[in-house]
N, C-alpha and C. Protein backbone atom coordinates (compact mmCIF):
# COMPACT_ATOMS: atom_id res chain seq x y z
N MET A 1 22.80 18.36 59.88
CA MET A 1 23.66 18.24 58.72
C MET A 1 22.92 17.51 57.60
N ARG A 2 22.20 16.44 58.01
CA ARG A 2 21.48 15.64 57.02
C ARG A 2 20.38 16.48 56.35
N LYS A 3 19.68 17.31 57.16
CA LYS A 3 18.64 18.18 56.61
C LYS A 3 19.23 19.20 55.64
N THR A 4 20.39 19.73 55.96
CA THR A 4 21.05 20.70 55.11
C THR A 4 21.45 20.06 53.78
N SER A 5 21.98 18.85 53.84
CA SER A 5 22.36 18.13 52.62
C SER A 5 21.14 17.83 51.77
N THR A 6 20.07 17.40 52.38
CA THR A 6 18.84 17.09 51.65
C THR A 6 18.28 18.36 51.03
N LEU A 7 18.28 19.46 51.77
CA LEU A 7 17.80 20.74 51.27
C LEU A 7 18.66 21.22 50.11
N LEU A 8 19.97 21.07 50.25
CA LEU A 8 20.91 21.47 49.19
C LEU A 8 20.65 20.67 47.92
N VAL A 9 20.45 19.36 48.03
CA VAL A 9 20.17 18.51 46.87
C VAL A 9 18.85 18.93 46.23
N ALA A 10 17.86 19.23 47.04
CA ALA A 10 16.55 19.65 46.52
C ALA A 10 16.66 20.97 45.76
N VAL A 11 17.40 21.93 46.31
CA VAL A 11 17.58 23.23 45.65
C VAL A 11 18.33 23.06 44.33
N ILE A 12 19.38 22.26 44.35
CA ILE A 12 20.16 22.02 43.12
C ILE A 12 19.29 21.35 42.07
N THR A 13 18.47 20.39 42.50
CA THR A 13 17.56 19.71 41.56
C THR A 13 16.56 20.69 40.96
N LEU A 14 15.98 21.56 41.79
CA LEU A 14 15.03 22.57 41.30
C LEU A 14 15.69 23.53 40.32
N ILE A 15 16.89 23.96 40.64
CA ILE A 15 17.63 24.86 39.73
C ILE A 15 17.89 24.16 38.41
N GLY A 16 18.31 22.90 38.50
CA GLY A 16 18.58 22.13 37.28
C GLY A 16 17.34 21.98 36.42
N LEU A 17 16.21 21.66 37.04
CA LEU A 17 14.96 21.52 36.28
C LEU A 17 14.52 22.84 35.66
N THR A 18 14.67 23.93 36.40
CA THR A 18 14.31 25.25 35.89
C THR A 18 15.17 25.62 34.69
N VAL A 19 16.48 25.41 34.80
CA VAL A 19 17.39 25.71 33.70
C VAL A 19 17.04 24.87 32.47
N CYS A 20 16.80 23.57 32.68
CA CYS A 20 16.45 22.69 31.57
C CYS A 20 15.16 23.14 30.90
N ASN A 21 14.18 23.52 31.70
CA ASN A 21 12.91 23.99 31.13
C ASN A 21 13.11 25.27 30.35
N ASN A 22 13.94 26.18 30.87
CA ASN A 22 14.21 27.42 30.15
C ASN A 22 14.95 27.16 28.85
N VAL A 23 15.91 26.27 28.86
CA VAL A 23 16.64 25.92 27.64
C VAL A 23 15.67 25.31 26.63
N SER A 24 14.81 24.43 27.10
CA SER A 24 13.84 23.79 26.22
C SER A 24 12.92 24.84 25.60
N ALA A 25 12.46 25.81 26.39
CA ALA A 25 11.60 26.88 25.87
C ALA A 25 12.38 27.73 24.86
N GLN A 26 13.65 28.00 25.16
CA GLN A 26 14.49 28.77 24.23
C GLN A 26 14.65 28.04 22.91
N GLU A 27 14.90 26.71 23.00
CA GLU A 27 15.05 25.91 21.78
C GLU A 27 13.78 25.95 20.94
N LYS A 28 12.62 25.88 21.60
CA LYS A 28 11.35 25.94 20.87
C LYS A 28 11.21 27.26 20.15
N LYS A 29 11.58 28.37 20.81
CA LYS A 29 11.52 29.68 20.18
C LYS A 29 12.42 29.73 18.95
N VAL A 30 13.62 29.20 19.06
CA VAL A 30 14.56 29.19 17.94
C VAL A 30 13.98 28.38 16.79
N LYS A 31 13.41 27.22 17.09
CA LYS A 31 12.83 26.38 16.05
C LYS A 31 11.70 27.09 15.33
N ILE A 32 10.89 27.82 16.08
CA ILE A 32 9.78 28.55 15.47
C ILE A 32 10.33 29.64 14.55
N LYS A 33 11.35 30.35 15.02
CA LYS A 33 11.91 31.45 14.23
C LYS A 33 12.61 30.95 12.96
N THR A 34 13.22 29.77 13.02
CA THR A 34 13.99 29.31 11.87
C THR A 34 13.23 28.34 10.97
N SER A 35 11.98 28.02 11.32
CA SER A 35 11.24 27.12 10.45
C SER A 35 10.94 27.86 9.15
N PHE A 36 11.07 27.17 8.05
CA PHE A 36 10.89 27.77 6.73
C PHE A 36 10.05 26.82 5.89
N ASP A 37 9.00 27.35 5.33
CA ASP A 37 8.08 26.56 4.51
C ASP A 37 8.25 26.99 3.05
N PRO A 38 8.94 26.18 2.22
CA PRO A 38 9.17 26.57 0.84
C PRO A 38 7.87 26.75 0.03
N MET A 39 6.85 25.98 0.34
CA MET A 39 5.58 26.12 -0.39
C MET A 39 4.91 27.45 -0.05
N ALA A 40 4.97 27.84 1.22
CA ALA A 40 4.42 29.14 1.62
C ALA A 40 5.22 30.27 0.97
N ALA A 41 6.54 30.10 0.87
CA ALA A 41 7.38 31.11 0.22
C ALA A 41 7.00 31.23 -1.26
N LYS A 42 6.80 30.09 -1.92
CA LYS A 42 6.41 30.13 -3.34
C LYS A 42 5.07 30.83 -3.51
N SER A 43 4.13 30.54 -2.63
CA SER A 43 2.82 31.21 -2.70
C SER A 43 2.96 32.71 -2.49
N ALA A 44 3.81 33.12 -1.56
CA ALA A 44 4.04 34.55 -1.31
C ALA A 44 4.66 35.22 -2.52
N ILE A 45 5.61 34.56 -3.16
CA ILE A 45 6.26 35.13 -4.35
C ILE A 45 5.25 35.23 -5.49
N GLU A 46 4.44 34.20 -5.69
CA GLU A 46 3.43 34.24 -6.76
C GLU A 46 2.42 35.36 -6.50
N ALA A 47 2.03 35.56 -5.25
CA ALA A 47 1.10 36.65 -4.92
C ALA A 47 1.74 38.01 -5.19
N THR A 48 3.01 38.14 -4.84
CA THR A 48 3.73 39.40 -5.10
C THR A 48 3.87 39.62 -6.61
N ASN A 49 4.16 38.56 -7.37
CA ASN A 49 4.25 38.68 -8.82
C ASN A 49 2.92 39.14 -9.42
N ALA A 50 1.80 38.66 -8.88
CA ALA A 50 0.49 39.07 -9.37
C ALA A 50 0.27 40.57 -9.13
N LYS A 51 0.68 41.05 -7.96
CA LYS A 51 0.56 42.49 -7.65
C LYS A 51 1.50 43.30 -8.54
N PHE A 52 2.70 42.79 -8.76
CA PHE A 52 3.69 43.43 -9.64
C PHE A 52 3.09 43.60 -11.04
N SER A 53 2.53 42.51 -11.58
CA SER A 53 1.94 42.55 -12.93
C SER A 53 0.74 43.48 -12.98
N GLU A 54 -0.05 43.52 -11.92
CA GLU A 54 -1.20 44.43 -11.87
C GLU A 54 -0.74 45.88 -11.91
N ALA A 55 0.29 46.22 -11.15
CA ALA A 55 0.84 47.58 -11.18
C ALA A 55 1.35 47.91 -12.58
N PHE A 56 1.96 46.92 -13.23
CA PHE A 56 2.46 47.11 -14.59
C PHE A 56 1.30 47.39 -15.55
N ARG A 57 0.22 46.58 -15.46
CA ARG A 57 -0.94 46.77 -16.33
C ARG A 57 -1.57 48.14 -16.14
N LYS A 58 -1.50 48.67 -14.93
CA LYS A 58 -2.04 50.00 -14.64
C LYS A 58 -1.12 51.11 -15.15
N GLY A 59 0.07 50.73 -15.61
CA GLY A 59 1.02 51.71 -16.11
C GLY A 59 1.73 52.47 -15.01
N ASP A 60 1.80 51.93 -13.82
CA ASP A 60 2.38 52.60 -12.66
C ASP A 60 3.80 52.10 -12.40
N SER A 61 4.76 52.71 -13.07
CA SER A 61 6.15 52.26 -12.94
C SER A 61 6.71 52.51 -11.54
N VAL A 62 6.22 53.52 -10.84
CA VAL A 62 6.68 53.78 -9.48
C VAL A 62 6.22 52.65 -8.55
N ALA A 63 4.98 52.20 -8.74
CA ALA A 63 4.48 51.07 -7.94
C ALA A 63 5.27 49.81 -8.27
N VAL A 64 5.59 49.60 -9.55
CA VAL A 64 6.38 48.43 -9.94
C VAL A 64 7.74 48.48 -9.24
N ALA A 65 8.37 49.64 -9.25
CA ALA A 65 9.70 49.78 -8.62
C ALA A 65 9.63 49.57 -7.11
N SER A 66 8.47 49.81 -6.51
CA SER A 66 8.34 49.63 -5.05
C SER A 66 8.45 48.17 -4.63
N PHE A 67 8.36 47.24 -5.57
CA PHE A 67 8.52 45.83 -5.25
C PHE A 67 9.99 45.43 -5.12
N TYR A 68 10.90 46.33 -5.48
CA TYR A 68 12.35 46.09 -5.38
C TYR A 68 12.87 46.63 -4.05
N THR A 69 13.98 46.07 -3.59
CA THR A 69 14.68 46.65 -2.45
C THR A 69 15.22 48.01 -2.87
N GLY A 70 15.53 48.86 -1.91
CA GLY A 70 16.09 50.18 -2.24
C GLY A 70 17.39 50.09 -3.01
N ASP A 71 18.14 49.01 -2.79
CA ASP A 71 19.41 48.81 -3.50
C ASP A 71 19.26 47.72 -4.58
N GLY A 72 18.04 47.54 -5.05
CA GLY A 72 17.78 46.51 -6.06
C GLY A 72 18.42 46.81 -7.40
N TRP A 73 18.62 45.75 -8.17
CA TRP A 73 19.16 45.86 -9.52
C TRP A 73 18.21 45.16 -10.48
N MET A 74 18.03 45.78 -11.64
CA MET A 74 17.34 45.17 -12.77
C MET A 74 18.42 44.88 -13.80
N LEU A 75 18.43 43.68 -14.33
CA LEU A 75 19.47 43.28 -15.28
C LEU A 75 18.81 42.87 -16.60
N PRO A 76 18.30 43.85 -17.36
CA PRO A 76 17.62 43.52 -18.61
C PRO A 76 18.62 43.08 -19.68
N PRO A 77 18.12 42.32 -20.67
CA PRO A 77 19.03 41.89 -21.74
C PRO A 77 19.50 43.08 -22.58
N ASN A 78 20.69 42.96 -23.10
CA ASN A 78 21.24 43.97 -24.02
C ASN A 78 21.28 45.36 -23.40
N SER A 79 21.55 45.45 -22.13
CA SER A 79 21.53 46.73 -21.44
C SER A 79 22.45 46.68 -20.23
N GLU A 80 22.84 47.85 -19.79
CA GLU A 80 23.61 47.97 -18.55
C GLU A 80 22.68 47.70 -17.37
N PRO A 81 23.22 47.32 -16.21
CA PRO A 81 22.38 47.15 -15.03
C PRO A 81 21.67 48.45 -14.66
N VAL A 82 20.46 48.34 -14.18
CA VAL A 82 19.67 49.48 -13.71
C VAL A 82 19.61 49.33 -12.19
N LYS A 83 20.09 50.35 -11.48
CA LYS A 83 20.25 50.23 -10.02
C LYS A 83 19.43 51.30 -9.29
N GLY A 84 18.75 50.86 -8.24
CA GLY A 84 18.02 51.78 -7.37
C GLY A 84 16.61 52.06 -7.84
N SER A 85 15.76 52.43 -6.90
CA SER A 85 14.33 52.60 -7.14
C SER A 85 14.00 53.61 -8.23
N THR A 86 14.66 54.75 -8.24
CA THR A 86 14.34 55.79 -9.22
C THR A 86 14.64 55.32 -10.63
N ASP A 87 15.82 54.74 -10.84
CA ASP A 87 16.19 54.28 -12.18
C ASP A 87 15.36 53.06 -12.60
N ILE A 88 15.02 52.20 -11.64
CA ILE A 88 14.18 51.04 -11.96
C ILE A 88 12.79 51.53 -12.39
N ALA A 89 12.24 52.51 -11.69
CA ALA A 89 10.94 53.08 -12.08
C ALA A 89 11.03 53.66 -13.49
N GLY A 90 12.13 54.33 -13.79
CA GLY A 90 12.31 54.90 -15.13
C GLY A 90 12.39 53.83 -16.21
N ALA A 91 13.09 52.74 -15.91
CA ALA A 91 13.22 51.65 -16.89
C ALA A 91 11.86 51.00 -17.17
N TRP A 92 11.11 50.71 -16.10
CA TRP A 92 9.77 50.12 -16.30
C TRP A 92 8.86 51.12 -17.01
N GLY A 93 9.00 52.41 -16.71
CA GLY A 93 8.22 53.43 -17.42
C GLY A 93 8.51 53.41 -18.91
N SER A 94 9.75 53.17 -19.28
CA SER A 94 10.13 53.08 -20.71
C SER A 94 9.41 51.91 -21.38
N PHE A 95 9.35 50.78 -20.71
CA PHE A 95 8.64 49.62 -21.27
C PHE A 95 7.17 49.96 -21.49
N ILE A 96 6.58 50.60 -20.52
CA ILE A 96 5.16 50.96 -20.61
C ILE A 96 4.93 51.93 -21.77
N ARG A 97 5.80 52.94 -21.91
CA ARG A 97 5.66 53.92 -23.00
C ARG A 97 5.92 53.31 -24.38
N MET A 98 6.64 52.18 -24.42
CA MET A 98 6.90 51.49 -25.70
C MET A 98 5.67 50.72 -26.18
N GLY A 99 4.61 50.69 -25.38
CA GLY A 99 3.40 49.99 -25.79
C GLY A 99 3.23 48.61 -25.19
N VAL A 100 4.05 48.28 -24.19
CA VAL A 100 3.88 47.00 -23.52
C VAL A 100 2.68 47.14 -22.58
N LYS A 101 1.72 46.24 -22.73
CA LYS A 101 0.47 46.33 -21.98
C LYS A 101 0.44 45.39 -20.77
N ASP A 102 1.04 44.22 -20.92
CA ASP A 102 0.91 43.22 -19.86
C ASP A 102 2.19 42.42 -19.74
N LEU A 103 2.41 41.93 -18.54
CA LEU A 103 3.58 41.11 -18.24
C LEU A 103 3.08 39.92 -17.43
N LYS A 104 3.19 38.74 -18.00
CA LYS A 104 2.76 37.52 -17.30
C LYS A 104 3.99 36.81 -16.77
N LEU A 105 3.96 36.50 -15.48
CA LEU A 105 5.07 35.83 -14.81
C LEU A 105 4.61 34.48 -14.30
N MET A 106 5.38 33.44 -14.59
CA MET A 106 5.06 32.08 -14.17
C MET A 106 6.25 31.50 -13.40
N THR A 107 6.06 31.27 -12.12
CA THR A 107 7.11 30.74 -11.26
C THR A 107 7.25 29.24 -11.48
N ASP A 108 8.46 28.80 -11.78
CA ASP A 108 8.73 27.36 -11.95
C ASP A 108 9.39 26.75 -10.72
N GLU A 109 10.25 27.51 -10.06
CA GLU A 109 11.01 26.94 -8.95
C GLU A 109 11.41 28.04 -7.97
N ILE A 110 11.41 27.69 -6.70
CA ILE A 110 11.88 28.57 -5.63
C ILE A 110 12.92 27.80 -4.82
N LEU A 111 14.05 28.44 -4.58
CA LEU A 111 15.13 27.86 -3.78
C LEU A 111 15.54 28.89 -2.74
N GLY A 112 15.93 28.46 -1.56
CA GLY A 112 16.46 29.42 -0.60
C GLY A 112 16.04 29.16 0.82
N ASN A 113 15.99 30.25 1.59
CA ASN A 113 15.67 30.16 3.01
C ASN A 113 14.82 31.36 3.42
N GLN A 114 14.61 31.53 4.72
CA GLN A 114 13.72 32.58 5.19
C GLN A 114 14.26 33.99 4.94
N ASP A 115 15.52 34.14 4.61
CA ASP A 115 16.11 35.45 4.39
C ASP A 115 16.25 35.82 2.92
N GLN A 116 16.49 34.83 2.08
CA GLN A 116 16.75 35.09 0.66
C GLN A 116 16.26 33.90 -0.17
N LEU A 117 15.62 34.21 -1.28
CA LEU A 117 15.12 33.19 -2.20
C LEU A 117 15.62 33.46 -3.60
N THR A 118 15.70 32.41 -4.38
CA THR A 118 15.94 32.53 -5.81
C THR A 118 14.73 31.95 -6.51
N GLU A 119 14.14 32.74 -7.39
CA GLU A 119 12.99 32.31 -8.18
C GLU A 119 13.45 32.09 -9.61
N ILE A 120 13.05 30.97 -10.19
CA ILE A 120 13.31 30.69 -11.60
C ILE A 120 11.94 30.59 -12.26
N GLY A 121 11.77 31.30 -13.36
CA GLY A 121 10.46 31.30 -13.99
C GLY A 121 10.50 31.67 -15.45
N ARG A 122 9.30 31.83 -15.99
CA ARG A 122 9.11 32.20 -17.40
C ARG A 122 8.22 33.44 -17.46
N TYR A 123 8.34 34.17 -18.56
CA TYR A 123 7.53 35.37 -18.73
C TYR A 123 6.99 35.47 -20.14
N GLU A 124 5.93 36.26 -20.27
CA GLU A 124 5.40 36.68 -21.57
C GLU A 124 5.15 38.18 -21.50
N ILE A 125 5.51 38.87 -22.57
CA ILE A 125 5.25 40.31 -22.68
C ILE A 125 4.21 40.50 -23.79
N ILE A 126 3.13 41.22 -23.46
CA ILE A 126 2.02 41.41 -24.38
C ILE A 126 1.90 42.89 -24.71
N ASP A 127 1.71 43.20 -25.99
CA ASP A 127 1.61 44.60 -26.40
C ASP A 127 0.16 45.09 -26.38
N ASN A 128 -0.05 46.34 -26.85
CA ASN A 128 -1.37 46.96 -26.85
C ASN A 128 -2.38 46.26 -27.76
N GLN A 129 -1.91 45.45 -28.69
CA GLN A 129 -2.81 44.70 -29.58
C GLN A 129 -3.02 43.26 -29.08
N ASP A 130 -2.70 43.02 -27.84
CA ASP A 130 -2.82 41.71 -27.20
C ASP A 130 -1.98 40.63 -27.88
N LYS A 131 -0.88 41.05 -28.46
CA LYS A 131 0.04 40.12 -29.13
C LYS A 131 1.24 39.86 -28.21
N VAL A 132 1.61 38.58 -28.09
CA VAL A 132 2.82 38.25 -27.32
C VAL A 132 4.01 38.70 -28.16
N VAL A 133 4.74 39.68 -27.67
CA VAL A 133 5.88 40.22 -28.40
C VAL A 133 7.21 39.67 -27.90
N ASP A 134 7.17 39.02 -26.74
CA ASP A 134 8.38 38.39 -26.22
C ASP A 134 7.98 37.34 -25.19
N ASN A 135 8.81 36.32 -25.09
CA ASN A 135 8.68 35.33 -24.03
C ASN A 135 10.08 34.86 -23.71
N GLY A 136 10.25 34.46 -22.48
CA GLY A 136 11.59 34.02 -22.08
C GLY A 136 11.60 33.49 -20.67
N LYS A 137 12.76 33.55 -20.07
CA LYS A 137 12.96 33.02 -18.73
C LYS A 137 13.62 34.09 -17.86
N TYR A 138 13.49 33.90 -16.55
CA TYR A 138 14.07 34.89 -15.63
C TYR A 138 14.55 34.21 -14.36
N ILE A 139 15.44 34.90 -13.70
CA ILE A 139 15.88 34.53 -12.35
C ILE A 139 15.79 35.80 -11.51
N VAL A 140 15.12 35.69 -10.37
CA VAL A 140 15.03 36.80 -9.43
C VAL A 140 15.57 36.32 -8.09
N VAL A 141 16.43 37.14 -7.50
CA VAL A 141 16.87 36.92 -6.13
C VAL A 141 16.00 37.84 -5.27
N TRP A 142 15.28 37.23 -4.33
CA TRP A 142 14.38 37.96 -3.44
C TRP A 142 15.02 38.07 -2.06
N LYS A 143 14.79 39.20 -1.40
CA LYS A 143 15.24 39.39 -0.02
C LYS A 143 14.03 39.66 0.85
N SER A 144 14.06 39.13 2.05
CA SER A 144 13.02 39.43 3.02
C SER A 144 13.38 40.75 3.70
N VAL A 145 12.50 41.74 3.55
CA VAL A 145 12.72 43.06 4.14
C VAL A 145 11.54 43.32 5.08
N ASN A 146 11.81 43.30 6.36
CA ASN A 146 10.76 43.49 7.37
C ASN A 146 9.57 42.56 7.14
N GLY A 147 9.86 41.32 6.79
CA GLY A 147 8.82 40.31 6.62
C GLY A 147 8.14 40.31 5.26
N THR A 148 8.60 41.17 4.34
CA THR A 148 8.03 41.26 2.99
C THR A 148 9.09 40.88 1.97
N TRP A 149 8.72 40.03 1.00
CA TRP A 149 9.67 39.65 -0.05
C TRP A 149 9.78 40.77 -1.07
N LYS A 150 11.02 41.19 -1.34
CA LYS A 150 11.31 42.25 -2.31
C LYS A 150 12.33 41.73 -3.33
N LEU A 151 12.21 42.20 -4.57
CA LEU A 151 13.17 41.84 -5.60
C LEU A 151 14.50 42.53 -5.29
N TYR A 152 15.56 41.75 -5.24
CA TYR A 152 16.89 42.27 -4.96
C TYR A 152 17.71 42.30 -6.26
N ARG A 153 17.67 41.23 -7.01
CA ARG A 153 18.29 41.17 -8.33
C ARG A 153 17.29 40.52 -9.29
N ASP A 154 17.13 41.13 -10.46
CA ASP A 154 16.11 40.71 -11.41
C ASP A 154 16.73 40.64 -12.80
N MET A 155 16.86 39.42 -13.33
CA MET A 155 17.53 39.22 -14.62
C MET A 155 16.67 38.34 -15.51
N TRP A 156 16.57 38.70 -16.78
CA TRP A 156 15.79 37.89 -17.71
C TRP A 156 16.43 37.88 -19.08
N SER A 157 16.04 36.89 -19.87
CA SER A 157 16.50 36.81 -21.26
C SER A 157 15.39 36.21 -22.11
N SER A 158 15.38 36.62 -23.37
CA SER A 158 14.34 36.25 -24.31
C SER A 158 14.58 34.86 -24.89
N ASN A 159 13.50 34.21 -25.25
CA ASN A 159 13.57 32.95 -26.01
C ASN A 159 13.42 33.21 -27.51
N MET A 160 13.12 34.46 -27.86
CA MET A 160 12.88 34.81 -29.26
C MET A 160 14.21 34.87 -30.02
N PRO A 161 14.19 34.49 -31.30
CA PRO A 161 15.43 34.57 -32.07
C PRO A 161 15.87 36.02 -32.25
N VAL A 162 17.15 36.20 -32.32
CA VAL A 162 17.71 37.52 -32.54
C VAL A 162 17.37 37.96 -33.96
N THR A 163 16.91 39.18 -34.12
CA THR A 163 16.61 39.67 -35.47
C THR A 163 17.87 40.29 -36.05
N ARG A 164 18.06 40.09 -37.31
CA ARG A 164 19.24 40.65 -38.00
C ARG A 164 19.03 42.11 -38.29
N ALA A 165 20.09 42.87 -38.17
CA ALA A 165 20.03 44.29 -38.49
C ALA A 165 19.87 44.44 -40.00
N GLN A 166 19.06 45.36 -40.39
CA GLN A 166 18.81 45.62 -41.82
C GLN A 166 19.85 46.54 -42.41
């Protein structure tokens, strides 16, 4: 009887240790999955913005639109929302055809988590004569899609004074 009790205690202890070790390993996996580095996220957004601007300089509106989610929205000033990849490509194509040569994006702040970020920044728009024709601020909501940050909502406004109608 004593041997059976001792064996039973030993088995229960082993089971308890095994369960605790498995829980501890599970907790470590969860911590790894949920760890979020805001500085790494900012670097990733800045790198994506550089690629976005490069596609814009090349005049490739389809490539520019590929940085948006499939259900992305562009919210330009003085305009209705532009929704979806095809219409977003068309809108960026219009900017390019108007003589806009370059788009400089400067990230000021990133807020959020591993699934969604909000970027606050400033922009400059440069024309074919290398003249800054607009500057302003923007807010972009980014979504992580299969491990890649994509623009989900993109809104900006100019710092330039409104011109009076003639």
